[in-house]
Amino acid sequence: MKKVNKIRLNANENYKPLEENIITNLFSTIEKIELNRYPDTDGKELREAYAAYAGVKRENIILGNGSDEMLSLAISKNISKGEKIFALDPDFSMYDFYVSLKEGEVVKYKFNPKEELNIDNFISEGLKSKAKLIIFSNPNNPTGYGFKISHIKKILEAFKDKTVLVDEAYYEFYGESAIELINEYKNLIVTRTLSKAWGLAALRVGFLISNEESIRELMNYKVPYNVNSISQALAAKVIRNWKELKKRVEVIVKEREKLYKNLLEIQKESSLKIKFYPSKANYIFGETDHKDILIRALEEAGIIIRDFNKDNTFRITVASSLENEKVVEVIRRTFLK
């Protein structure tokens, strides 16, 4: 049997490896690292680099082993056994996992991606829930829905005595950030990652960003030496070259819009029900009553997408132009027989 090279479109990774000249420079950086020494527990150099990129101070940042660790840290700080967080459904599944470790409860607000999120209703239900922490990804994972900053302000105002965490893992593909609000709203925490747009998933580097007072409190929950020296050094080097990131993101956003347009044409022409949603991230969310047929057809072509087993939804990571064309070709062949 002929071996098929898998096209992995299930984890929202950046399909494009770093440029060769950047990788060459990274090797020289590794040579200077003292592997017999523990890493800088505060990650000062990396925090400095990211602060310059994000437009904040180093003192506004905690460095994490991926934004996952920072989500866990924020949840651990804000809830105890039996207490609640308020989140969207669907949203990032790890929120549930970290809450379960604290023996807490996730109260979910059902979000229909076919409609604009009703912020007033979201706030009303959140207040009723008596949750200690409000958490949501922006853009939303998996739907790609983007919260307006005016809506985030409204949420922050409504929950002034609670903590609001905005998970900005896919910020670079959207461009709207709550970071500008961290000093105005003392109840705001923002998390970021280098695993998506930056294309550094293997390094496991993330950040928690908030006002200085909150950062001092949250630092008490951070484990020492949590990010290794190699990840710190390489990430700092790449971040300082952030103009390259901008070019890479522009290409992905352009590919996203082209992919969505082509999928929308299939949706309109297909006699089999299938729907795709506009996205502010690097993926397209969809649903169909014929998901088994779709998944099987893509797998036979060597394409892996994210299958949300609990319902009829799925998510496709935006890839290279050639790979996106292959996805469209398989879906067109399957749904336009």
C-alpha atoms as a PDB file:
ATOM      1  CA  MET A   1       0.000   0.000   0.000  1.00  0.00           C
ATOM      2  CA  LYS A   2       1.288   3.447  -0.937  1.00  0.00           C
ATOM      3  CA  LYS A   3       2.162   5.561   2.098  1.00  0.00           C
ATOM      4  CA  VAL A   4       0.248   8.861   2.206  1.00  0.00           C
ATOM      5  CA  ASN A   5       1.921  11.887   3.808  1.00  0.00           C
ATOM      6  CA  LYS A   6      -0.572  13.208   6.324  1.00  0.00           C
ATOM      7  CA  ILE A   7      -1.747  16.808   6.114  1.00  0.00           C
ATOM      8  CA  ARG A   8      -2.403  17.710   9.756  1.00  0.00           C
ATOM      9  CA  LEU A   9      -5.110  20.342   9.977  1.00  0.00           C
ATOM     10  CA  ASN A  10      -6.395  19.453  13.433  1.00  0.00           C
ATOM     11  CA  ALA A  11      -4.260  21.458  15.896  1.00  0.00           C
ATOM     12  CA  ASN A  12      -4.226  25.029  14.486  1.00  0.00           C
ATOM     13  CA  GLU A  13      -0.448  25.019  14.127  1.00  0.00           C
ATOM     14  CA  ASN A  14       1.291  27.473  11.816  1.00  0.00           C
ATOM     15  CA  TYR A  15       1.856  25.408   8.654  1.00  0.00           C
ATOM     16  CA  LYS A  16       4.968  27.383   7.722  1.00  0.00           C
ATOM     17  CA  PRO A  17       8.293  26.523   9.418  1.00  0.00           C
ATOM     18  CA  LEU A  18      10.598  29.378  10.406  1.00  0.00           C
ATOM     19  CA  GLU A  19      12.809  30.814   7.659  1.00  0.00           C
ATOM     20  CA  GLU A  20      16.165  29.084   7.220  1.00  0.00           C
ATOM     21  CA  ASN A  21      18.225  32.153   8.153  1.00  0.00           C
ATOM     22  CA  ILE A  22      16.305  32.475  11.454  1.00  0.00           C
ATOM     23  CA  ILE A  23      16.857  28.774  12.243  1.00  0.00           C
ATOM     24  CA  THR A  24      20.606  29.155  11.537  1.00  0.00           C
ATOM     25  CA  ASN A  25      20.765  32.064  13.999  1.00  0.00           C
ATOM     26  CA  LEU A  26      18.901  29.995  16.582  1.00  0.00           C
ATOM     27  CA  PHE A  27      21.582  27.276  16.488  1.00  0.00           C
ATOM     28  CA  SER A  28      24.248  29.829  17.430  1.00  0.00           C
ATOM     29  CA  THR A  29      22.019  30.939  20.322  1.00  0.00           C
ATOM     30  CA  ILE A  30      21.752  27.368  21.665  1.00  0.00           C
ATOM     31  CA  GLU A  31      25.567  27.009  21.690  1.00  0.00           C
ATOM     32  CA  LYS A  32      25.813  29.802  24.283  1.00  0.00           C
ATOM     33  CA  ILE A  33      23.359  28.212  26.759  1.00  0.00           C
ATOM     34  CA  GLU A  34      24.827  26.667  29.924  1.00  0.00           C
ATOM     35  CA  LEU A  35      22.915  23.399  30.047  1.00  0.00           C
ATOM     36  CA  ASN A  36      24.272  22.584  33.510  1.00  0.00           C
ATOM     37  CA  ARG A  37      22.507  25.646  34.962  1.00  0.00           C
ATOM     38  CA  TYR A  38      18.864  26.118  35.873  1.00  0.00           C
ATOM     39  CA  PRO A  39      16.921  28.550  33.659  1.00  0.00           C
ATOM     40  CA  ASP A  40      16.148  32.120  34.719  1.00  0.00           C
ATOM     41  CA  THR A  41      13.069  31.508  36.852  1.00  0.00           C
ATOM     42  CA  ASP A  42      11.654  34.960  36.050  1.00  0.00           C
ATOM     43  CA  GLY A  43      12.502  34.821  32.344  1.00  0.00           C
ATOM     44  CA  LYS A  44      13.518  38.492  32.395  1.00  0.00           C
ATOM     45  CA  GLU A  45      15.028  38.631  28.900  1.00  0.00           C
ATOM     46  CA  LEU A  46      12.056  36.896  27.279  1.00  0.00           C
ATOM     47  CA  ARG A  47       9.525  38.966  29.228  1.00  0.00           C
ATOM     48  CA  GLU A  48      11.403  42.112  28.151  1.00  0.00           C
ATOM     49  CA  ALA A  49      11.235  41.038  24.498  1.00  0.00           C
ATOM     50  CA  TYR A  50       7.537  40.183  24.654  1.00  0.00           C
ATOM     51  CA  ALA A  51       6.705  43.368  26.583  1.00  0.00           C
ATOM     52  CA  ALA A  52       8.269  45.443  23.778  1.00  0.00           C
ATOM     53  CA  TYR A  53       6.190  43.542  21.211  1.00  0.00           C
ATOM     54  CA  ALA A  54       2.918  43.707  23.201  1.00  0.00           C
ATOM     55  CA  GLY A  55       3.271  47.354  24.250  1.00  0.00           C
ATOM     56  CA  VAL A  56       3.351  46.701  28.009  1.00  0.00           C
ATOM     57  CA  LYS A  57       6.000  46.618  30.763  1.00  0.00           C
ATOM     58  CA  ARG A  58       7.947  43.535  31.801  1.00  0.00           C
ATOM     59  CA  GLU A  59       6.245  43.840  35.196  1.00  0.00           C
ATOM     60  CA  ASN A  60       2.885  43.198  33.498  1.00  0.00           C
ATOM     61  CA  ILE A  61       3.926  39.706  32.378  1.00  0.00           C
ATOM     62  CA  ILE A  62       4.308  36.221  33.842  1.00  0.00           C
ATOM     63  CA  LEU A  63       6.134  33.672  31.681  1.00  0.00           C
ATOM     64  CA  GLY A  64       4.539  30.248  31.314  1.00  0.00           C
ATOM     65  CA  ASN A  65       5.173  26.785  29.908  1.00  0.00           C
ATOM     66  CA  GLY A  66       2.629  27.459  27.178  1.00  0.00           C
ATOM     67  CA  SER A  67      -0.470  29.568  27.804  1.00  0.00           C
ATOM     68  CA  ASP A  68      -1.962  26.319  29.166  1.00  0.00           C
ATOM     69  CA  GLU A  69       0.115  26.709  32.322  1.00  0.00           C
ATOM     70  CA  MET A  70      -1.032  30.321  32.654  1.00  0.00           C
ATOM     71  CA  LEU A  71      -4.686  29.305  32.284  1.00  0.00           C
ATOM     72  CA  SER A  72      -4.162  26.695  34.990  1.00  0.00           C
ATOM     73  CA  LEU A  73      -2.447  29.251  37.224  1.00  0.00           C
ATOM     74  CA  ALA A  74      -5.274  31.797  36.848  1.00  0.00           C
ATOM     75  CA  ILE A  75      -7.956  29.190  37.506  1.00  0.00           C
ATOM     76  CA  SER A  76      -6.069  27.857  40.564  1.00  0.00           C
ATOM     77  CA  LYS A  77      -5.781  31.378  41.967  1.00  0.00           C
ATOM     78  CA  ASN A  78      -9.441  32.278  41.442  1.00  0.00           C
ATOM     79  CA  ILE A  79     -11.500  29.225  42.415  1.00  0.00           C
ATOM     80  CA  SER A  80     -11.621  26.644  45.184  1.00  0.00           C
ATOM     81  CA  LYS A  81     -13.466  23.345  45.536  1.00  0.00           C
ATOM     82  CA  GLY A  82     -17.168  23.718  44.671  1.00  0.00           C
ATOM     83  CA  GLU A  83     -16.780  27.198  43.143  1.00  0.00           C
ATOM     84  CA  LYS A  84     -17.731  28.099  39.575  1.00  0.00           C
ATOM     85  CA  ILE A  85     -16.351  29.616  36.425  1.00  0.00           C
ATOM     86  CA  PHE A  86     -18.561  30.963  33.616  1.00  0.00           C
ATOM     87  CA  ALA A  87     -17.579  30.061  30.045  1.00  0.00           C
ATOM     88  CA  LEU A  88     -18.907  29.781  26.514  1.00  0.00           C
ATOM     89  CA  ASP A  89     -20.011  26.535  24.902  1.00  0.00           C
ATOM     90  CA  PRO A  90     -18.198  25.794  22.659  1.00  0.00           C
ATOM     91  CA  ASP A  91     -14.793  27.023  23.823  1.00  0.00           C
ATOM     92  CA  PHE A  92     -11.322  25.662  24.614  1.00  0.00           C
ATOM     93  CA  SER A  93     -11.742  22.281  26.323  1.00  0.00           C
ATOM     94  CA  MET A  94      -8.791  22.742  28.700  1.00  0.00           C
ATOM     95  CA  TYR A  95     -10.801  25.223  30.797  1.00  0.00           C
ATOM     96  CA  ASP A  96     -12.964  22.288  31.910  1.00  0.00           C
ATOM     97  CA  PHE A  97      -9.891  20.184  32.660  1.00  0.00           C
ATOM     98  CA  TYR A  98      -8.209  22.754  34.916  1.00  0.00           C
ATOM     99  CA  VAL A  99     -11.461  23.481  36.741  1.00  0.00           C
ATOM    100  CA  SER A 100     -11.938  19.740  37.344  1.00  0.00           C
ATOM    101  CA  LEU A 101      -8.496  19.607  39.012  1.00  0.00           C
ATOM    102  CA  LYS A 102      -9.800  22.168  41.521  1.00  0.00           C
ATOM    103  CA  GLU A 103     -13.069  20.211  41.871  1.00  0.00           C
ATOM    104  CA  GLY A 104     -14.917  23.278  40.637  1.00  0.00           C
ATOM    105  CA  GLU A 105     -17.818  23.656  38.232  1.00  0.00           C
ATOM    106  CA  VAL A 106     -18.017  25.158  34.734  1.00  0.00           C
ATOM    107  CA  VAL A 107     -21.304  26.941  34.050  1.00  0.00           C
ATOM    108  CA  LYS A 108     -21.670  27.161  30.270  1.00  0.00           C
ATOM    109  CA  TYR A 109     -23.430  29.716  28.110  1.00  0.00           C
ATOM    110  CA  LYS A 110     -24.558  28.055  24.877  1.00  0.00           C
ATOM    111  CA  PHE A 111     -23.246  30.056  21.952  1.00  0.00           C
ATOM    112  CA  ASN A 112     -24.789  29.697  18.504  1.00  0.00           C
ATOM    113  CA  PRO A 113     -22.174  30.660  15.875  1.00  0.00           C
ATOM    114  CA  LYS A 114     -24.991  31.329  13.389  1.00  0.00           C
ATOM    115  CA  GLU A 115     -25.831  34.483  15.339  1.00  0.00           C
ATOM    116  CA  GLU A 116     -24.030  37.452  16.886  1.00  0.00           C
ATOM    117  CA  LEU A 117     -23.338  36.725  20.557  1.00  0.00           C
ATOM    118  CA  ASN A 118     -25.937  38.477  22.731  1.00  0.00           C
ATOM    119  CA  ILE A 119     -23.600  40.231  25.176  1.00  0.00           C
ATOM    120  CA  ASP A 120     -26.400  41.482  27.452  1.00  0.00           C
ATOM    121  CA  ASN A 121     -27.786  37.960  27.797  1.00  0.00           C
ATOM    122  CA  PHE A 122     -24.284  36.537  28.308  1.00  0.00           C
ATOM    123  CA  ILE A 123     -23.725  39.029  31.151  1.00  0.00           C
ATOM    124  CA  SER A 124     -27.139  38.354  32.669  1.00  0.00           C
ATOM    125  CA  GLU A 125     -26.570  34.582  32.740  1.00  0.00           C
ATOM    126  CA  GLY A 126     -23.039  35.073  34.053  1.00  0.00           C
ATOM    127  CA  LEU A 127     -24.284  37.160  36.970  1.00  0.00           C
ATOM    128  CA  LYS A 128     -26.924  34.536  37.769  1.00  0.00           C
ATOM    129  CA  SER A 129     -24.259  31.807  37.823  1.00  0.00           C
ATOM    130  CA  LYS A 130     -22.419  33.393  40.796  1.00  0.00           C
ATOM    131  CA  ALA A 131     -19.154  32.390  39.099  1.00  0.00           C
ATOM    132  CA  LYS A 132     -15.841  33.617  40.545  1.00  0.00           C
ATOM    133  CA  LEU A 133     -14.129  33.696  37.146  1.00  0.00           C
ATOM    134  CA  ILE A 134     -15.394  34.605  33.655  1.00  0.00           C
ATOM    135  CA  ILE A 135     -13.298  33.082  30.865  1.00  0.00           C
ATOM    136  CA  PHE A 136     -13.481  33.077  27.061  1.00  0.00           C
ATOM    137  CA  SER A 137     -11.143  32.842  24.098  1.00  0.00           C
ATOM    138  CA  ASN A 138     -10.962  35.730  21.639  1.00  0.00           C
ATOM    139  CA  PRO A 139     -11.147  34.808  18.815  1.00  0.00           C
ATOM    140  CA  ASN A 140     -13.276  31.941  20.031  1.00  0.00           C
ATOM    141  CA  ASN A 141     -11.843  28.453  19.657  1.00  0.00           C
ATOM    142  CA  PRO A 142     -13.353  26.602  17.791  1.00  0.00           C
ATOM    143  CA  THR A 143     -15.825  28.931  16.021  1.00  0.00           C
ATOM    144  CA  GLY A 144     -13.477  31.794  15.083  1.00  0.00           C
ATOM    145  CA  TYR A 145     -15.933  34.372  16.464  1.00  0.00           C
ATOM    146  CA  GLY A 146     -14.280  37.661  17.473  1.00  0.00           C
ATOM    147  CA  PHE A 147     -15.393  39.722  20.462  1.00  0.00           C
ATOM    148  CA  LYS A 148     -15.442  43.476  19.906  1.00  0.00           C
ATOM    149  CA  ILE A 149     -13.395  45.470  22.437  1.00  0.00           C
ATOM    150  CA  SER A 150     -16.539  47.441  23.324  1.00  0.00           C
ATOM    151  CA  HIS A 151     -18.200  44.153  24.313  1.00  0.00           C
ATOM    152  CA  ILE A 152     -15.217  43.112  26.427  1.00  0.00           C
ATOM    153  CA  LYS A 153     -15.392  46.474  28.216  1.00  0.00           C
ATOM    154  CA  LYS A 154     -19.063  45.858  28.911  1.00  0.00           C
ATOM    155  CA  ILE A 155     -18.242  42.446  30.410  1.00  0.00           C
ATOM    156  CA  LEU A 156     -15.456  43.932  32.554  1.00  0.00           C
ATOM    157  CA  GLU A 157     -17.813  46.632  33.853  1.00  0.00           C
ATOM    158  CA  ALA A 158     -20.528  44.092  34.692  1.00  0.00           C
ATOM    159  CA  PHE A 159     -18.136  41.777  36.570  1.00  0.00           C
ATOM    160  CA  LYS A 160     -16.017  44.385  38.378  1.00  0.00           C
ATOM    161  CA  ASP A 161     -15.815  42.265  41.543  1.00  0.00           C
ATOM    162  CA  LYS A 162     -14.889  39.087  39.577  1.00  0.00           C
ATOM    163  CA  THR A 163     -11.886  38.125  37.477  1.00  0.00           C
ATOM    164  CA  VAL A 164     -12.321  38.170  33.691  1.00  0.00           C
ATOM    165  CA  LEU A 165      -9.804  36.125  31.696  1.00  0.00           C
ATOM    166  CA  VAL A 166      -9.500  36.712  27.944  1.00  0.00           C
ATOM    167  CA  ASP A 167      -7.565  33.924  26.218  1.00  0.00           C
ATOM    168  CA  GLU A 168      -5.904  35.519  23.166  1.00  0.00           C
ATOM    169  CA  ALA A 169      -4.164  32.437  21.746  1.00  0.00           C
ATOM    170  CA  TYR A 170      -5.179  33.498  18.213  1.00  0.00           C
ATOM    171  CA  TYR A 171      -4.898  37.274  18.661  1.00  0.00           C
ATOM    172  CA  GLU A 172      -2.425  37.822  15.826  1.00  0.00           C
ATOM    173  CA  PHE A 173      -4.936  36.621  13.222  1.00  0.00           C
ATOM    174  CA  TYR A 174      -7.588  39.030  14.556  1.00  0.00           C
ATOM    175  CA  GLY A 175      -5.715  42.153  15.646  1.00  0.00           C
ATOM    176  CA  GLU A 176      -8.101  43.268  18.411  1.00  0.00           C
ATOM    177  CA  SER A 177      -6.728  42.859  21.929  1.00  0.00           C
ATOM    178  CA  ALA A 178      -7.884  43.488  25.487  1.00  0.00           C
ATOM    179  CA  ILE A 179      -4.286  44.126  26.590  1.00  0.00           C
ATOM    180  CA  GLU A 180      -4.823  47.874  26.236  1.00  0.00           C
ATOM    181  CA  LEU A 181      -7.369  47.614  29.082  1.00  0.00           C
ATOM    182  CA  ILE A 182      -5.197  45.940  31.764  1.00  0.00           C
ATOM    183  CA  ASN A 183      -4.491  49.136  33.711  1.00  0.00           C
ATOM    184  CA  GLU A 184      -8.026  50.491  33.376  1.00  0.00           C
ATOM    185  CA  TYR A 185      -9.652  47.267  34.614  1.00  0.00           C
ATOM    186  CA  LYS A 186      -7.938  45.635  37.595  1.00  0.00           C
ATOM    187  CA  ASN A 187     -10.089  42.498  37.156  1.00  0.00           C
ATOM    188  CA  LEU A 188      -8.670  41.686  33.696  1.00  0.00           C
ATOM    189  CA  ILE A 189      -6.207  38.909  32.841  1.00  0.00           C
ATOM    190  CA  VAL A 190      -5.063  38.185  29.271  1.00  0.00           C
ATOM    191  CA  THR A 191      -3.206  35.051  28.153  1.00  0.00           C
ATOM    192  CA  ARG A 192      -1.105  34.700  24.985  1.00  0.00           C
ATOM    193  CA  THR A 193       0.940  31.939  23.342  1.00  0.00           C
ATOM    194  CA  LEU A 194       3.775  31.473  20.846  1.00  0.00           C
ATOM    195  CA  SER A 195       2.327  28.145  19.670  1.00  0.00           C
ATOM    196  CA  LYS A 196      -0.026  29.459  16.978  1.00  0.00           C
ATOM    197  CA  ALA A 197       0.851  32.501  14.837  1.00  0.00           C
ATOM    198  CA  TRP A 198       4.496  32.501  15.945  1.00  0.00           C
ATOM    199  CA  GLY A 199       4.967  28.881  14.855  1.00  0.00           C
ATOM    200  CA  LEU A 200       6.839  27.880  18.028  1.00  0.00           C
ATOM    201  CA  ALA A 201       4.549  25.153  19.368  1.00  0.00           C
ATOM    202  CA  ALA A 202       7.523  22.883  20.143  1.00  0.00           C
ATOM    203  CA  LEU A 203       8.982  25.432  22.591  1.00  0.00           C
ATOM    204  CA  ARG A 204       5.877  25.601  24.833  1.00  0.00           C
ATOM    205  CA  VAL A 205       5.968  29.313  25.682  1.00  0.00           C
ATOM    206  CA  GLY A 206       3.028  31.400  26.858  1.00  0.00           C
ATOM    207  CA  PHE A 207       2.333  34.578  28.792  1.00  0.00           C
ATOM    208  CA  LEU A 208      -0.106  35.940  31.335  1.00  0.00           C
ATOM    209  CA  ILE A 209      -0.587  39.716  31.131  1.00  0.00           C
ATOM    210  CA  SER A 210      -2.312  41.907  33.711  1.00  0.00           C
ATOM    211  CA  ASN A 211      -1.843  44.986  35.905  1.00  0.00           C
ATOM    212  CA  GLU A 212       1.224  44.962  38.171  1.00  0.00           C
ATOM    213  CA  GLU A 213      -0.710  44.355  41.396  1.00  0.00           C
ATOM    214  CA  SER A 214      -2.439  41.269  39.966  1.00  0.00           C
ATOM    215  CA  ILE A 215       0.869  39.998  38.585  1.00  0.00           C
ATOM    216  CA  ARG A 216       2.478  40.209  42.044  1.00  0.00           C
ATOM    217  CA  GLU A 217      -0.391  38.173  43.523  1.00  0.00           C
ATOM    218  CA  LEU A 218      -0.376  35.603  40.708  1.00  0.00           C
ATOM    219  CA  MET A 219       3.410  35.131  40.950  1.00  0.00           C
ATOM    220  CA  ASN A 220       2.785  33.346  44.262  1.00  0.00           C
ATOM    221  CA  TYR A 221       1.110  30.541  42.268  1.00  0.00           C
ATOM    222  CA  LYS A 222       3.869  30.126  39.663  1.00  0.00           C
ATOM    223  CA  VAL A 223       6.286  27.215  39.994  1.00  0.00           C
ATOM    224  CA  PRO A 224      10.014  28.087  39.737  1.00  0.00           C
ATOM    225  CA  TYR A 225      12.070  27.272  36.625  1.00  0.00           C
ATOM    226  CA  ASN A 226       8.894  26.570  34.644  1.00  0.00           C
ATOM    227  CA  VAL A 227      10.276  27.464  31.185  1.00  0.00           C
ATOM    228  CA  ASN A 228      13.564  25.871  30.103  1.00  0.00           C
ATOM    229  CA  SER A 229      16.599  27.906  29.029  1.00  0.00           C
ATOM    230  CA  ILE A 230      16.493  26.786  25.386  1.00  0.00           C
ATOM    231  CA  SER A 231      12.853  27.830  24.969  1.00  0.00           C
ATOM    232  CA  GLN A 232      13.522  31.167  26.661  1.00  0.00           C
ATOM    233  CA  ALA A 233      16.544  32.014  24.516  1.00  0.00           C
ATOM    234  CA  LEU A 234      15.054  30.912  21.193  1.00  0.00           C
ATOM    235  CA  ALA A 235      11.687  32.570  21.836  1.00  0.00           C
ATOM    236  CA  ALA A 236      13.324  35.898  22.759  1.00  0.00           C
ATOM    237  CA  LYS A 237      15.362  35.781  19.546  1.00  0.00           C
ATOM    238  CA  VAL A 238      12.285  35.114  17.368  1.00  0.00           C
ATOM    239  CA  ILE A 239      10.122  37.749  19.112  1.00  0.00           C
ATOM    240  CA  ARG A 240      12.689  40.476  18.429  1.00  0.00           C
ATOM    241  CA  ASN A 241      12.188  39.675  14.751  1.00  0.00           C
ATOM    242  CA  TRP A 242       8.411  40.280  15.025  1.00  0.00           C
ATOM    243  CA  LYS A 243       8.159  42.029  11.638  1.00  0.00           C
ATOM    244  CA  GLU A 244       8.670  38.607  10.030  1.00  0.00           C
ATOM    245  CA  LEU A 245       5.679  37.343  12.027  1.00  0.00           C
ATOM    246  CA  LYS A 246       3.498  40.085  10.549  1.00  0.00           C
ATOM    247  CA  LYS A 247       4.309  38.926   7.000  1.00  0.00           C
ATOM    248  CA  ARG A 248       3.545  35.285   7.862  1.00  0.00           C
ATOM    249  CA  VAL A 249       0.229  36.212   9.472  1.00  0.00           C
ATOM    250  CA  GLU A 250      -0.805  38.283   6.450  1.00  0.00           C
ATOM    251  CA  VAL A 251      -0.287  35.236   4.211  1.00  0.00           C
ATOM    252  CA  ILE A 252      -2.365  32.993   6.514  1.00  0.00           C
ATOM    253  CA  VAL A 253      -5.207  35.536   6.768  1.00  0.00           C
ATOM    254  CA  LYS A 254      -5.264  35.833   2.976  1.00  0.00           C
ATOM    255  CA  GLU A 255      -5.379  32.024   2.661  1.00  0.00           C
ATOM    256  CA  ARG A 256      -8.138  31.863   5.298  1.00  0.00           C
ATOM    257  CA  GLU A 257     -10.377  34.202   3.329  1.00  0.00           C
ATOM    258  CA  LYS A 258      -9.738  32.308   0.083  1.00  0.00           C
ATOM    259  CA  LEU A 259     -10.450  28.961   1.766  1.00  0.00           C
ATOM    260  CA  TYR A 260     -13.659  30.268   3.336  1.00  0.00           C
ATOM    261  CA  LYS A 261     -14.845  31.681  -0.012  1.00  0.00           C
ATOM    262  CA  ASN A 262     -14.271  28.328  -1.749  1.00  0.00           C
ATOM    263  CA  LEU A 263     -15.983  26.365   1.039  1.00  0.00           C
ATOM    264  CA  LEU A 264     -18.913  28.773   0.962  1.00  0.00           C
ATOM    265  CA  GLU A 265     -19.408  28.030  -2.747  1.00  0.00           C
ATOM    266  CA  ILE A 266     -19.644  24.314  -1.921  1.00  0.00           C
ATOM    267  CA  GLN A 267     -22.128  25.089   0.862  1.00  0.00           C
ATOM    268  CA  LYS A 268     -24.366  26.998  -1.570  1.00  0.00           C
ATOM    269  CA  GLU A 269     -24.248  24.353  -4.301  1.00  0.00           C
ATOM    270  CA  SER A 270     -24.453  21.174  -2.211  1.00  0.00           C
ATOM    271  CA  SER A 271     -27.702  19.232  -1.897  1.00  0.00           C
ATOM    272  CA  LEU A 272     -26.219  17.694   1.271  1.00  0.00           C
ATOM    273  CA  LYS A 273     -26.421  20.044   4.235  1.00  0.00           C
ATOM    274  CA  ILE A 274     -23.036  21.527   5.196  1.00  0.00           C
ATOM    275  CA  LYS A 275     -22.245  24.927   6.705  1.00  0.00           C
ATOM    276  CA  PHE A 276     -19.045  26.919   7.192  1.00  0.00           C
ATOM    277  CA  TYR A 277     -18.566  29.984   9.400  1.00  0.00           C
ATOM    278  CA  PRO A 278     -16.459  33.129   8.937  1.00  0.00           C
ATOM    279  CA  SER A 279     -13.376  33.208  11.166  1.00  0.00           C
ATOM    280  CA  LYS A 280     -11.031  35.692  12.829  1.00  0.00           C
ATOM    281  CA  ALA A 281      -8.449  32.972  13.565  1.00  0.00           C
ATOM    282  CA  ASN A 282      -6.383  30.481  11.521  1.00  0.00           C
ATOM    283  CA  TYR A 283      -9.139  27.896  11.165  1.00  0.00           C
ATOM    284  CA  ILE A 284     -12.620  27.446   9.716  1.00  0.00           C
ATOM    285  CA  PHE A 285     -15.447  25.997  11.817  1.00  0.00           C
ATOM    286  CA  GLY A 286     -18.150  23.934  10.142  1.00  0.00           C
ATOM    287  CA  GLU A 287     -21.058  21.587  10.725  1.00  0.00           C
ATOM    288  CA  THR A 288     -22.821  18.912   8.725  1.00  0.00           C
ATOM    289  CA  ASP A 289     -25.241  16.048   9.289  1.00  0.00           C
ATOM    290  CA  HIS A 290     -22.912  14.027   7.054  1.00  0.00           C
ATOM    291  CA  LYS A 291     -19.765  14.441   9.146  1.00  0.00           C
ATOM    292  CA  ASP A 292     -18.792  10.756   9.006  1.00  0.00           C
ATOM    293  CA  ILE A 293     -18.717  10.927   5.195  1.00  0.00           C
ATOM    294  CA  LEU A 294     -16.655  14.136   5.321  1.00  0.00           C
ATOM    295  CA  ILE A 295     -14.111  12.835   7.844  1.00  0.00           C
ATOM    296  CA  ARG A 296     -13.696   9.530   5.975  1.00  0.00           C
ATOM    297  CA  ALA A 297     -13.203  11.249   2.598  1.00  0.00           C
ATOM    298  CA  LEU A 298     -10.566  13.590   4.038  1.00  0.00           C
ATOM    299  CA  GLU A 299      -8.763  10.785   5.889  1.00  0.00           C
ATOM    300  CA  GLU A 300      -8.605   8.702   2.701  1.00  0.00           C
ATOM    301  CA  ALA A 301      -6.903  11.691   1.081  1.00  0.00           C
ATOM    302  CA  GLY A 302      -4.434  11.878   3.992  1.00  0.00           C
ATOM    303  CA  ILE A 303      -6.033  14.956   5.583  1.00  0.00           C
ATOM    304  CA  ILE A 304      -6.705  15.093   9.328  1.00  0.00           C
ATOM    305  CA  ILE A 305      -9.099  17.749  10.676  1.00  0.00           C
ATOM    306  CA  ARG A 306     -10.492  18.293  14.171  1.00  0.00           C
ATOM    307  CA  ASP A 307     -13.613  16.219  14.749  1.00  0.00           C
ATOM    308  CA  PHE A 308     -15.731  17.332  17.718  1.00  0.00           C
ATOM    309  CA  ASN A 309     -17.181  13.937  18.548  1.00  0.00           C
ATOM    310  CA  LYS A 310     -20.056  15.170  20.717  1.00  0.00           C
ATOM    311  CA  ASP A 311     -21.972  16.760  17.813  1.00  0.00           C
ATOM    312  CA  ASN A 312     -21.912  17.365  14.053  1.00  0.00           C
ATOM    313  CA  THR A 313     -19.206  20.052  14.109  1.00  0.00           C
ATOM    314  CA  PHE A 314     -15.599  20.097  12.908  1.00  0.00           C
ATOM    315  CA  ARG A 315     -12.698  22.519  12.460  1.00  0.00           C
ATOM    316  CA  ILE A 316     -10.169  22.887   9.640  1.00  0.00           C
ATOM    317  CA  THR A 317      -6.811  24.600  10.200  1.00  0.00           C
ATOM    318  CA  VAL A 318      -5.814  27.022   7.441  1.00  0.00           C
ATOM    319  CA  ALA A 319      -2.735  25.633   5.702  1.00  0.00           C
ATOM    320  CA  SER A 320      -0.672  26.378   2.596  1.00  0.00           C
ATOM    321  CA  SER A 321      -2.408  27.324  -0.636  1.00  0.00           C
ATOM    322  CA  LEU A 322      -1.715  23.867  -2.091  1.00  0.00           C
ATOM    323  CA  GLU A 323      -3.012  22.032   0.996  1.00  0.00           C
ATOM    324  CA  ASN A 324      -6.101  24.243   1.198  1.00  0.00           C
ATOM    325  CA  GLU A 325      -6.846  23.510  -2.458  1.00  0.00           C
ATOM    326  CA  LYS A 326      -6.628  19.785  -1.720  1.00  0.00           C
ATOM    327  CA  VAL A 327      -9.120  20.181   1.163  1.00  0.00           C
ATOM    328  CA  VAL A 328     -11.535  22.072  -1.089  1.00  0.00           C
ATOM    329  CA  GLU A 329     -11.141  19.502  -3.863  1.00  0.00           C
ATOM    330  CA  VAL A 330     -11.976  16.581  -1.519  1.00  0.00           C
ATOM    331  CA  ILE A 331     -14.975  18.350   0.045  1.00  0.00           C
ATOM    332  CA  ARG A 332     -16.252  19.434  -3.373  1.00  0.00           C
ATOM    333  CA  ARG A 333     -15.946  15.893  -4.711  1.00  0.00           C
ATOM    334  CA  THR A 334     -17.759  14.530  -1.636  1.00  0.00           C
ATOM    335  CA  PHE A 335     -20.601  17.042  -1.415  1.00  0.00           C
ATOM    336  CA  LEU A 336     -21.176  17.932  -5.078  1.00  0.00           C
ATOM    337  CA  LYS A 337     -21.644  14.457  -6.547  1.00  0.00           C
END
